[in-house]
Amino acid sequence: MSENTYAAGVAVPKLRLGVIKAARSRAAKMSVSLERFGRVQSVIGLLVEASDVGAAVGELCYIYEGDTTNSRRVPAEVVGVRHSGTLLMPLDSTTGLRAGGLVQRSSLPLTIPAGDALLGRVIDPNGLPLDGLPAPIAPNRVSVQSEPPAPLERTLISEQLYTGVRAIDAFTPLGKGQRIGIFSGSGVGKSTLLGMIARNTNADVNVIALVGERGREVQEFIVDSLGEEGLRRSVVVAATGDQAAMRRVKAASAACAIAEHFRDQGKDVLLMMDSVTRVAMAQREIGLAVGEPPTTRGYTPSVFALLPRRLERAGTGPRGSITGIFTVLVDGDDMNDPIGDATRGILDGHIVLSRKLANSGHYPSIDVLQSVSRLAGRIRSGDQIETATRVRHLMDAFQKAEDLIRIGAYVPGSDKDVDEAVAANDLIERYLRQSVGEPARDEDFVALTSAIRNLNVAD
């Protein structure tokens, strides 16, 4: 066959042969460059389906509004693969996305800056500032997805982390590396209690995740509850309730990643998340969008798989510790709702806030009798445990006889425990009540111990 022929013996002039070769070369180059891009096939609700992306689950992609990279782009995470299509969940609103838009694969997970430059800052789940200040310049970027330390790499919890709240430090003590939940309905003081702990704790760094909050509540928490003193050694990661479900879930992951960075430096970190329930609700939105079957109260299986992965990231490591305080917004004050029940089984204790106490002006509205720390015996001395147990016993005796006492039907001398409870009730109430700006002192518990002992001796 001569050089003027091509393919199946078809004669082609030399000039045309050169054009064809050049076109083939351009096509080859184009196919190489387009390997990193796919196309949007459909946008339904929260879910975007794209073709020819080739990304793995968990990878970060960028979805462009148009068919060029000069248009606005929306970060998205790969949440599933269906046949030859890739399922993406955007971290921002899907408004403006359309079929045919470019999808760029980054081949990397979502990362966030970490380091001392974040202290005193309020950022979003992408690490961008929300406080009007320049973007934090941190030398390190860490993936928001990571594995917790292996079980046998975790050091034993033996040292108490003081919160500055008398009702917690005395009756539900926290160890460095412990994880505990604050369970309550809405409007009984969870955010105020978190701010109080952040100001008064002896942790080195606070990392606070505000997930699903109302827009005005973020500013109120920072100014009123956290204050300038608390913010100075804190990092706040915020994603409000009006933002995309994936962004709310990533806010929790980003806070965990920042806390892990400080922990690996050997610091004692206090990680506070408000709230786990809203993270679960965001994950439910994602699960329903990708076609998961709803189970208990509409929560999908991925919700109950997500909870241990997030909560287990707190704890001790080979160096440093992350003490986790996670608020749980229970539905209708039902402490056994699906998220509350699942979370309580994962954590190392729970603090219950009482609406009855809150309505009576008792602050903090901690129900001591329903609250428990599973590590109290490891971090408190025998005398301290004895006093706490005795106070709980007196509180329980008073609570059982309270109706009779209030109406004057109880006859003194009928029950020795009730008599002691009545005598000690005012003392215990004064100890448990604490204003927001009043830090706890060691002398307060010593005084309570002495008074309880003197009460027993007198009887």
Protein backbone atom coordinates (compact mmCIF):
# COMPACT_ATOMS: atom_id res chain seq x y z
CA MET A 1 0.00 0.00 0.00
CA SER A 2 1.39 3.40 -0.95
CA GLU A 3 1.91 6.30 1.42
CA ASN A 4 -1.06 8.01 -0.19
CA THR A 5 -3.44 5.30 1.07
CA TYR A 6 -5.05 5.10 4.51
CA ALA A 7 -7.21 2.64 6.36
CA ALA A 8 -8.83 -0.07 4.23
CA GLY A 9 -7.06 0.73 0.99
CA VAL A 10 -8.78 4.10 0.59
CA ALA A 11 -6.62 6.53 -1.32
CA VAL A 12 -5.89 9.72 0.63
CA PRO A 13 -3.79 12.62 -0.60
CA LYS A 14 -0.68 13.47 1.38
CA LEU A 15 -2.13 16.81 2.46
CA ARG A 16 -5.29 15.25 3.83
CA LEU A 17 -3.24 12.58 5.58
CA GLY A 18 -1.34 15.30 7.46
CA VAL A 19 -4.60 16.96 8.50
CA ILE A 20 -5.96 13.67 9.80
CA LYS A 21 -2.80 12.98 11.80
CA ALA A 22 -2.92 16.46 13.32
CA ALA A 23 -6.59 16.01 14.21
CA ARG A 24 -5.82 12.67 15.82
CA SER A 25 -3.04 14.26 17.85
CA ARG A 26 -5.35 17.02 19.06
CA ALA A 27 -8.03 14.47 19.93
CA ALA A 28 -5.51 12.41 21.89
CA LYS A 29 -4.38 15.47 23.83
CA MET A 30 -7.99 16.47 24.42
CA SER A 31 -8.90 13.00 25.72
CA VAL A 32 -6.02 13.16 28.19
CA SER A 33 -7.08 16.59 29.48
CA LEU A 34 -10.74 15.56 29.74
CA GLU A 35 -9.93 12.52 31.90
CA ARG A 36 -10.09 14.83 34.95
CA PHE A 37 -13.53 16.15 34.05
CA GLY A 38 -17.02 14.75 33.89
CA ARG A 39 -20.44 16.15 33.18
CA VAL A 40 -23.49 16.76 35.34
CA GLN A 41 -26.27 14.39 34.31
CA SER A 42 -28.97 15.38 36.82
CA VAL A 43 -29.58 17.55 39.87
CA ILE A 44 -32.40 16.27 42.08
CA GLY A 45 -32.84 17.88 45.48
CA LEU A 46 -29.55 17.58 47.37
CA LEU A 47 -28.05 15.03 44.99
CA VAL A 48 -26.00 15.60 41.85
CA GLU A 49 -25.28 12.71 39.49
CA ALA A 50 -22.32 13.01 37.13
CA SER A 51 -20.79 10.82 34.45
CA ASP A 52 -17.18 10.09 33.50
CA VAL A 53 -15.74 11.42 36.79
CA GLY A 54 -14.12 8.21 38.02
CA ALA A 55 -13.81 9.48 41.60
CA ALA A 56 -13.92 7.25 44.66
CA VAL A 57 -16.28 7.61 47.60
CA GLY A 58 -15.01 10.31 49.95
CA GLU A 59 -13.10 12.28 47.31
CA LEU A 60 -13.63 16.01 46.83
CA CYS A 61 -14.89 17.25 43.46
CA TYR A 62 -15.83 20.65 42.06
CA ILE A 63 -19.04 21.21 40.14
CA TYR A 64 -19.07 24.20 37.77
CA GLU A 65 -22.21 26.12 36.91
CA GLY A 66 -21.23 26.25 33.26
CA ASP A 67 -19.22 24.21 30.81
CA THR A 68 -15.97 26.10 31.47
CA THR A 69 -13.73 26.35 34.51
CA ASN A 70 -14.20 30.14 34.57
CA SER A 71 -17.72 29.82 36.02
CA ARG A 72 -18.65 29.54 39.71
CA ARG A 73 -17.72 26.21 41.23
CA VAL A 74 -19.31 24.34 44.12
CA PRO A 75 -17.30 21.86 46.22
CA ALA A 76 -18.93 18.46 46.58
CA GLU A 77 -18.08 15.10 48.09
CA VAL A 78 -18.57 11.74 46.41
CA VAL A 79 -21.15 9.85 48.47
CA GLY A 80 -21.83 6.93 46.17
CA VAL A 81 -21.40 5.24 42.82
CA ARG A 82 -24.35 4.04 40.75
CA HIS A 83 -23.52 1.96 37.67
CA SER A 84 -21.20 4.27 35.68
CA GLY A 85 -22.44 7.43 37.41
CA THR A 86 -20.99 9.22 40.40
CA LEU A 87 -23.26 10.57 43.15
CA LEU A 88 -22.14 13.89 44.61
CA MET A 89 -23.39 15.86 47.59
CA PRO A 90 -22.52 19.59 47.32
CA LEU A 91 -21.22 21.48 50.34
CA ASP A 92 -23.04 24.61 49.13
CA SER A 93 -26.41 25.34 47.57
CA THR A 94 -27.21 23.59 44.29
CA THR A 95 -28.78 26.78 42.88
CA GLY A 96 -27.32 27.48 39.43
CA LEU A 97 -26.15 23.95 38.69
CA ARG A 98 -27.46 22.41 35.48
CA ALA A 99 -27.11 19.36 33.30
CA GLY A 100 -23.95 19.44 31.21
CA GLY A 101 -21.93 21.44 33.70
CA LEU A 102 -18.32 20.42 34.24
CA VAL A 103 -17.36 18.23 37.19
CA GLN A 104 -13.69 18.30 38.15
CA ARG A 105 -12.10 15.54 40.19
CA SER A 106 -9.53 16.67 42.76
CA SER A 107 -8.41 13.15 43.81
CA LEU A 108 -8.11 14.51 47.38
CA PRO A 109 -10.36 14.54 50.44
CA LEU A 110 -11.59 17.79 51.96
CA THR A 111 -8.81 19.44 54.02
CA ILE A 112 -8.79 22.28 56.52
CA PRO A 113 -6.00 24.47 58.00
CA ALA A 114 -4.89 23.60 61.51
CA GLY A 115 -2.58 25.27 63.99
CA ASP A 116 -2.23 28.10 66.47
CA ALA A 117 -3.30 30.62 63.82
CA LEU A 118 -6.87 29.37 64.30
CA LEU A 119 -7.04 30.29 67.99
CA GLY A 120 -9.56 33.05 68.58
CA ARG A 121 -11.07 32.58 65.12
CA VAL A 122 -14.51 31.63 63.80
CA ILE A 123 -14.36 29.61 60.58
CA ASP A 124 -16.61 27.55 58.32
CA PRO A 125 -16.09 23.83 57.52
CA ASN A 126 -13.77 24.78 54.63
CA GLY A 127 -11.51 26.81 56.93
CA LEU A 128 -12.69 30.16 55.55
CA PRO A 129 -13.18 33.00 58.06
CA LEU A 130 -16.63 33.98 59.29
CA ASP A 131 -15.43 36.72 61.63
CA GLY A 132 -14.54 39.30 58.98
CA LEU A 133 -10.80 38.90 59.52
CA PRO A 134 -8.25 37.73 56.93
CA ALA A 135 -8.06 34.01 56.25
CA PRO A 136 -5.93 32.24 58.86
CA ILE A 137 -2.47 31.36 57.60
CA ALA A 138 -1.61 27.94 58.98
CA PRO A 139 1.40 25.88 57.86
CA ASN A 140 -0.55 22.62 58.07
CA ARG A 141 -3.65 21.36 56.33
CA VAL A 142 -5.29 18.20 57.63
CA SER A 143 -7.94 15.95 56.16
CA VAL A 144 -11.33 16.24 57.84
CA GLN A 145 -11.56 12.44 57.63
CA SER A 146 -9.23 10.43 59.83
CA GLU A 147 -9.21 7.32 61.95
CA PRO A 148 -9.15 7.45 65.77
CA PRO A 149 -6.14 6.00 67.60
CA ALA A 150 -6.05 2.23 67.88
CA PRO A 151 -7.61 0.94 71.13
CA LEU A 152 -4.33 -0.16 72.68
CA GLU A 153 -2.62 3.12 71.73
CA ARG A 154 -4.99 5.06 73.98
CA THR A 155 -3.55 5.88 77.39
CA LEU A 156 -5.67 5.19 80.45
CA ILE A 157 -7.75 8.10 81.76
CA SER A 158 -6.57 8.97 85.26
CA GLU A 159 -6.59 12.77 85.56
CA GLN A 160 -9.60 15.03 86.00
CA LEU A 161 -10.40 17.86 83.61
CA TYR A 162 -12.02 20.67 85.58
CA THR A 163 -14.93 22.44 83.95
CA GLY A 164 -15.45 25.17 86.54
CA VAL A 165 -19.05 24.03 87.06
CA ARG A 166 -19.60 22.75 90.62
CA ALA A 167 -22.42 20.36 89.76
CA ILE A 168 -20.24 18.66 87.12
CA ASP A 169 -16.86 18.65 88.86
CA ALA A 170 -18.32 17.26 92.11
CA PHE A 171 -20.98 14.81 90.93
CA THR A 172 -20.25 14.05 87.23
CA PRO A 173 -16.48 14.54 87.00
CA LEU A 174 -14.76 14.46 83.62
CA GLY A 175 -11.43 12.81 82.97
CA LYS A 176 -9.00 14.07 80.35
CA GLY A 177 -9.95 12.09 77.27
CA GLN A 178 -13.46 11.20 78.43
CA ARG A 179 -16.54 11.68 76.23
CA ILE A 180 -19.78 12.81 77.80
CA GLY A 181 -23.13 14.00 76.52
CA ILE A 182 -25.35 16.87 77.67
CA PHE A 183 -28.93 15.73 77.14
CA SER A 184 -31.84 18.15 77.18
CA GLY A 185 -34.78 19.58 75.33
CA SER A 186 -34.65 22.98 73.69
CA GLY A 187 -34.28 26.16 75.69
CA VAL A 188 -32.91 24.84 78.98
CA GLY A 189 -29.40 26.30 78.84
CA LYS A 190 -27.14 23.96 76.83
CA SER A 191 -25.31 26.73 74.96
CA THR A 192 -24.89 28.87 78.06
CA LEU A 193 -23.46 25.89 79.95
CA LEU A 194 -21.01 25.17 77.11
CA GLY A 195 -19.81 28.78 77.13
CA MET A 196 -19.37 28.65 80.90
CA ILE A 197 -17.28 25.49 80.63
CA ALA A 198 -15.17 26.94 77.79
CA ARG A 199 -14.27 29.99 79.91
CA ASN A 200 -13.49 28.13 83.13
CA THR A 201 -11.93 24.83 82.02
CA ASN A 202 -8.25 24.05 82.55
CA ALA A 203 -7.93 22.51 79.05
CA ASP A 204 -5.17 23.93 76.83
CA VAL A 205 -7.40 24.50 73.79
CA ASN A 206 -11.15 24.54 73.13
CA VAL A 207 -12.51 23.45 69.74
CA ILE A 208 -16.21 24.24 69.42
CA ALA A 209 -18.47 23.00 66.61
CA LEU A 210 -21.77 24.86 66.23
CA VAL A 211 -23.82 22.70 63.89
CA GLY A 212 -27.31 23.55 62.69
CA GLU A 213 -27.68 26.63 64.89
CA ARG A 214 -29.89 29.56 63.98
CA GLY A 215 -27.93 32.36 62.36
CA ARG A 216 -28.37 34.76 65.28
CA GLU A 217 -27.34 32.10 67.84
CA VAL A 218 -23.77 31.88 66.55
CA GLN A 219 -23.09 35.54 67.34
CA GLU A 220 -24.95 35.31 70.65
CA PHE A 221 -22.93 32.28 71.71
CA ILE A 222 -19.61 33.92 70.88
CA VAL A 223 -20.42 37.27 72.53
CA ASP A 224 -22.67 36.31 75.44
CA SER A 225 -21.78 32.73 76.34
CA LEU A 226 -18.15 32.31 75.24
CA GLY A 227 -16.92 35.86 75.75
CA GLU A 228 -13.59 37.38 74.81
CA GLU A 229 -11.70 35.35 77.40
CA GLY A 230 -13.10 32.04 76.20
CA LEU A 231 -12.67 32.87 72.50
CA ARG A 232 -9.00 33.71 72.98
CA ARG A 233 -8.08 30.03 73.42
CA SER A 234 -10.83 28.55 71.29
CA VAL A 235 -11.48 27.65 67.66
CA VAL A 236 -15.11 27.90 66.58
CA VAL A 237 -16.34 25.99 63.51
CA ALA A 238 -19.87 27.02 62.53
CA ALA A 239 -22.43 25.78 59.99
CA THR A 240 -25.93 27.19 60.45
CA GLY A 241 -29.15 25.30 59.90
CA ASP A 242 -29.91 26.98 56.57
CA GLN A 243 -26.74 25.66 54.95
CA ALA A 244 -26.34 22.45 52.94
CA ALA A 245 -26.62 19.16 54.82
CA MET A 246 -23.14 18.09 53.73
CA ARG A 247 -21.67 21.32 55.08
CA ARG A 248 -23.28 20.70 58.47
CA VAL A 249 -21.90 17.16 58.61
CA LYS A 250 -18.45 18.40 57.57
CA ALA A 251 -18.48 21.03 60.33
CA ALA A 252 -18.41 18.22 62.88
CA SER A 253 -15.62 16.42 60.99
CA ALA A 254 -13.58 19.62 60.61
CA ALA A 255 -13.79 20.34 64.35
CA CYS A 256 -12.62 16.78 65.10
CA ALA A 257 -9.67 17.19 62.69
CA ILE A 258 -8.56 20.47 64.30
CA ALA A 259 -8.83 18.94 67.78
CA GLU A 260 -6.76 15.94 66.64
CA HIS A 261 -4.04 18.26 65.35
CA PHE A 262 -3.70 19.95 68.76
CA ARG A 263 -3.89 16.58 70.54
CA ASP A 264 -1.02 15.23 68.47
CA GLN A 265 1.05 18.17 69.71
CA GLY A 266 0.60 16.81 73.25
CA LYS A 267 -2.10 19.26 74.35
CA ASP A 268 -5.23 18.58 76.36
CA VAL A 269 -8.08 19.62 74.07
CA LEU A 270 -11.72 20.17 74.98
CA LEU A 271 -13.93 19.38 71.97
CA MET A 272 -17.50 20.67 72.28
CA MET A 273 -20.15 19.89 69.68
CA ASP A 274 -23.59 21.52 69.68
CA SER A 275 -25.34 19.43 68.66
CA VAL A 276 -24.97 15.77 67.74
CA THR A 277 -28.70 15.63 67.01
CA ARG A 278 -28.41 18.22 64.24
CA VAL A 279 -25.45 16.38 62.74
CA ALA A 280 -27.60 13.25 62.70
CA MET A 281 -30.48 15.16 61.08
CA ALA A 282 -28.13 16.43 58.36
CA GLN A 283 -26.87 12.91 57.72
CA ARG A 284 -30.48 11.75 57.53
CA GLU A 285 -31.09 14.27 54.74
CA ILE A 286 -28.06 12.92 52.87
CA GLY A 287 -29.08 9.29 53.40
CA LEU A 288 -32.61 9.83 52.17
CA ALA A 289 -31.32 11.74 49.13
CA VAL A 290 -29.11 8.83 48.02
CA GLY A 291 -31.92 6.32 48.48
CA GLU A 292 -31.30 4.77 51.91
CA PRO A 293 -34.37 3.25 53.54
CA PRO A 294 -35.69 5.19 56.56
CA THR A 295 -35.74 3.27 59.84
CA THR A 296 -36.52 4.52 63.35
CA ARG A 297 -38.29 7.91 63.13
CA GLY A 298 -36.99 8.37 59.61
CA TYR A 299 -33.30 8.07 60.47
CA THR A 300 -31.32 6.10 57.91
CA PRO A 301 -28.74 3.37 58.66
CA SER A 302 -25.87 5.72 57.77
CA VAL A 303 -26.81 7.96 60.71
CA PHE A 304 -26.19 5.20 63.24
CA ALA A 305 -22.97 4.27 61.42
CA LEU A 306 -21.80 7.89 61.51
CA LEU A 307 -22.28 8.44 65.26
CA PRO A 308 -19.56 6.07 66.55
CA ARG A 309 -17.12 7.21 63.84
CA ARG A 310 -17.45 10.82 64.95
CA LEU A 311 -17.66 10.30 68.70
CA GLU A 312 -14.78 7.81 68.84
CA ARG A 313 -12.42 10.44 67.42
CA ALA A 314 -12.40 12.05 70.86
CA GLY A 315 -10.35 10.39 73.58
CA THR A 316 -6.75 9.91 74.60
CA GLY A 317 -3.90 9.23 72.22
CA PRO A 318 -0.22 8.36 72.54
CA ARG A 319 0.27 12.11 73.22
CA GLY A 320 -2.33 14.52 74.49
CA SER A 321 -6.06 14.03 74.85
CA ILE A 322 -9.41 15.16 73.46
CA THR A 323 -12.15 15.45 76.04
CA GLY A 324 -15.49 15.46 74.23
CA ILE A 325 -18.65 17.22 75.40
CA PHE A 326 -21.49 16.57 72.98
CA THR A 327 -24.94 18.08 73.35
CA VAL A 328 -27.94 15.96 72.40
CA LEU A 329 -31.21 17.74 71.67
CA VAL A 330 -33.77 15.15 72.72
CA ASP A 331 -37.15 15.13 71.02
CA GLY A 332 -39.92 16.29 73.35
CA ASP A 333 -37.66 15.88 76.43
CA ASP A 334 -37.66 12.13 75.74
CA MET A 335 -34.22 10.93 76.84
CA ASN A 336 -34.78 7.64 75.02
CA ASP A 337 -35.34 9.02 71.53
CA PRO A 338 -33.29 7.21 68.81
CA ILE A 339 -30.34 9.61 68.72
CA GLY A 340 -30.24 10.05 72.49
CA ASP A 341 -30.35 6.31 73.09
CA ALA A 342 -27.68 5.54 70.48
CA THR A 343 -25.39 8.33 71.69
CA ARG A 344 -25.70 7.38 75.35
CA GLY A 345 -24.53 3.86 74.49
CA ILE A 346 -21.34 5.22 72.88
CA LEU A 347 -20.33 7.89 75.38
CA ASP A 348 -18.68 7.54 78.79
CA GLY A 349 -21.41 9.30 80.72
CA HIS A 350 -24.26 11.77 80.43
CA ILE A 351 -25.39 15.03 82.00
CA VAL A 352 -29.14 15.63 81.97
CA LEU A 353 -30.57 19.15 82.03
CA SER A 354 -34.01 19.45 83.62
CA ARG A 355 -36.72 21.71 82.24
CA LYS A 356 -38.35 21.72 85.69
CA LEU A 357 -35.18 23.13 87.26
CA ALA A 358 -34.75 25.64 84.41
CA ASN A 359 -38.33 26.88 84.82
CA SER A 360 -37.76 27.37 88.55
CA GLY A 361 -34.71 29.57 87.92
CA HIS A 362 -32.19 26.94 89.04
CA TYR A 363 -29.01 27.41 87.02
CA PRO A 364 -27.25 25.39 85.79
CA SER A 365 -30.30 23.16 85.44
CA ILE A 366 -28.34 19.90 85.89
CA ASP A 367 -30.35 16.99 87.26
CA VAL A 368 -27.66 15.42 89.43
CA LEU A 369 -29.67 12.26 90.14
CA GLN A 370 -30.06 11.43 86.44
CA SER A 371 -26.49 12.34 85.48
CA VAL A 372 -23.58 9.92 85.69
CA SER A 373 -19.90 9.72 84.82
CA ARG A 374 -18.64 6.21 84.13
CA LEU A 375 -15.07 7.20 85.04
CA ALA A 376 -15.73 8.93 88.36
CA GLY A 377 -14.11 6.07 90.28
CA ARG A 378 -10.86 6.40 88.31
CA ILE A 379 -10.33 10.13 88.75
CA ARG A 380 -11.74 10.95 92.21
CA SER A 381 -10.46 10.04 95.66
CA GLY A 382 -12.39 7.85 98.07
CA ASP A 383 -13.46 10.76 100.29
CA GLN A 384 -14.74 12.74 97.32
CA ILE A 385 -16.75 9.78 96.04
CA GLU A 386 -18.14 9.16 99.52
CA THR A 387 -19.33 12.77 99.84
CA ALA A 388 -20.87 12.78 96.36
CA THR A 389 -22.66 9.49 97.07
CA ARG A 390 -23.97 10.81 100.38
CA VAL A 391 -25.28 14.00 98.78
CA ARG A 392 -27.01 12.01 96.05
CA HIS A 393 -28.65 9.84 98.71
CA LEU A 394 -29.95 12.91 100.56
CA MET A 395 -31.22 14.49 97.35
CA ASP A 396 -33.05 11.27 96.45
CA ALA A 397 -34.65 11.05 99.91
CA PHE A 398 -35.82 14.67 99.71
CA GLN A 399 -37.19 14.20 96.18
CA LYS A 400 -39.26 11.15 97.22
CA ALA A 401 -40.79 12.98 100.19
CA GLU A 402 -40.97 16.41 98.56
CA ASP A 403 -44.72 16.45 97.98
CA LEU A 404 -45.42 15.57 101.62
CA ILE A 405 -42.90 18.14 102.83
CA ARG A 406 -44.34 20.91 100.65
CA ILE A 407 -47.91 20.45 101.93
CA GLY A 408 -46.80 20.01 105.55
CA ALA A 409 -47.93 16.38 105.77
CA TYR A 410 -44.50 15.00 106.67
CA VAL A 411 -43.97 14.43 110.40
CA PRO A 412 -40.36 15.06 111.48
CA GLY A 413 -38.79 11.99 113.02
CA SER A 414 -40.68 9.57 110.77
CA ASP A 415 -37.62 8.85 108.64
CA LYS A 416 -34.04 9.64 109.61
CA ASP A 417 -32.87 9.97 105.99
CA VAL A 418 -35.66 12.42 105.17
CA ASP A 419 -34.88 14.44 108.30
CA GLU A 420 -31.24 14.72 107.23
CA ALA A 421 -32.31 15.55 103.67
CA VAL A 422 -34.55 18.38 104.88
CA ALA A 423 -31.75 19.78 107.05
CA ALA A 424 -29.23 19.61 104.20
CA ASN A 425 -31.47 20.70 101.34
CA ASP A 426 -30.75 24.44 101.49
CA LEU A 427 -27.00 23.76 101.76
CA ILE A 428 -27.04 21.46 98.73
CA GLU A 429 -29.20 23.88 96.70
CA ARG A 430 -26.80 26.76 97.34
CA TYR A 431 -23.88 24.60 96.26
CA LEU A 432 -25.52 23.47 93.01
CA ARG A 433 -26.69 26.94 91.98
CA GLN A 434 -23.99 28.89 90.18
CA SER A 435 -24.14 32.07 88.15
CA VAL A 436 -22.56 32.25 84.71
CA GLY A 437 -19.69 34.48 85.79
CA GLU A 438 -18.93 32.59 89.01
CA PRO A 439 -16.05 30.10 88.71
CA ALA A 440 -15.99 27.07 90.97
CA ARG A 441 -13.40 26.81 93.73
CA ASP A 442 -11.94 23.75 95.44
CA GLU A 443 -12.90 25.29 98.78
CA ASP A 444 -16.58 25.04 97.86
CA PHE A 445 -16.53 21.24 97.78
CA VAL A 446 -14.40 21.06 100.93
CA ALA A 447 -16.97 23.22 102.71
CA LEU A 448 -19.82 21.03 101.47
CA THR A 449 -18.01 17.88 102.64
CA SER A 450 -17.44 19.36 106.09
CA ALA A 451 -21.06 20.49 106.41
CA ILE A 452 -22.42 17.09 105.42
CA ARG A 453 -20.16 15.34 107.93
CA ASN A 454 -21.14 17.72 110.71
CA LEU A 455 -24.78 17.15 109.84
CA ASN A 456 -24.31 13.39 110.22
CA VAL A 457 -22.43 13.78 113.52
CA ALA A 458 -25.13 16.05 114.94
CA ASP A 459 -27.80 13.48 114.17
